[in-house]
Amino acid sequence: MEAKLTDTEPQVALNDVLATERTIMANERTFLAYCRTAFSLFIAGLSLMEFTKTHILIAIGILFIPLGVGVFVFGLWRFTKKKKAIRAGKLLGNKR
């Protein structure tokens, strides 16, 4: 059985629903890109620290680890901020 809308409930166009779904998936893909970058930096830092003898490369490895953690935290923060904006309909292109 289909639920029928009354005159007081706004009808949402299919294009708007699909555009919102595309935006949600794009936000998730962006977050996954941040995760990949963060894990790559973290692993690169561990590898430089473990497999090199040069002090400068060990120092670079030590810098890569917190940088990777920072990229992950920034990506998570940005993802949650955009997710809330999408759900509230407060995107820049939205005229609501």
Foldseek 3Di string as FASTA:
>chain_A
DDDDDDPVDDDDDPVVVVVLVVLLVVLVVQLVVLLVQLVVLQVCLVCQCPPDDDPVSVVSSVVSNVVSVVSNVVSVVVSVVVVVCSVVVNDPVGPD
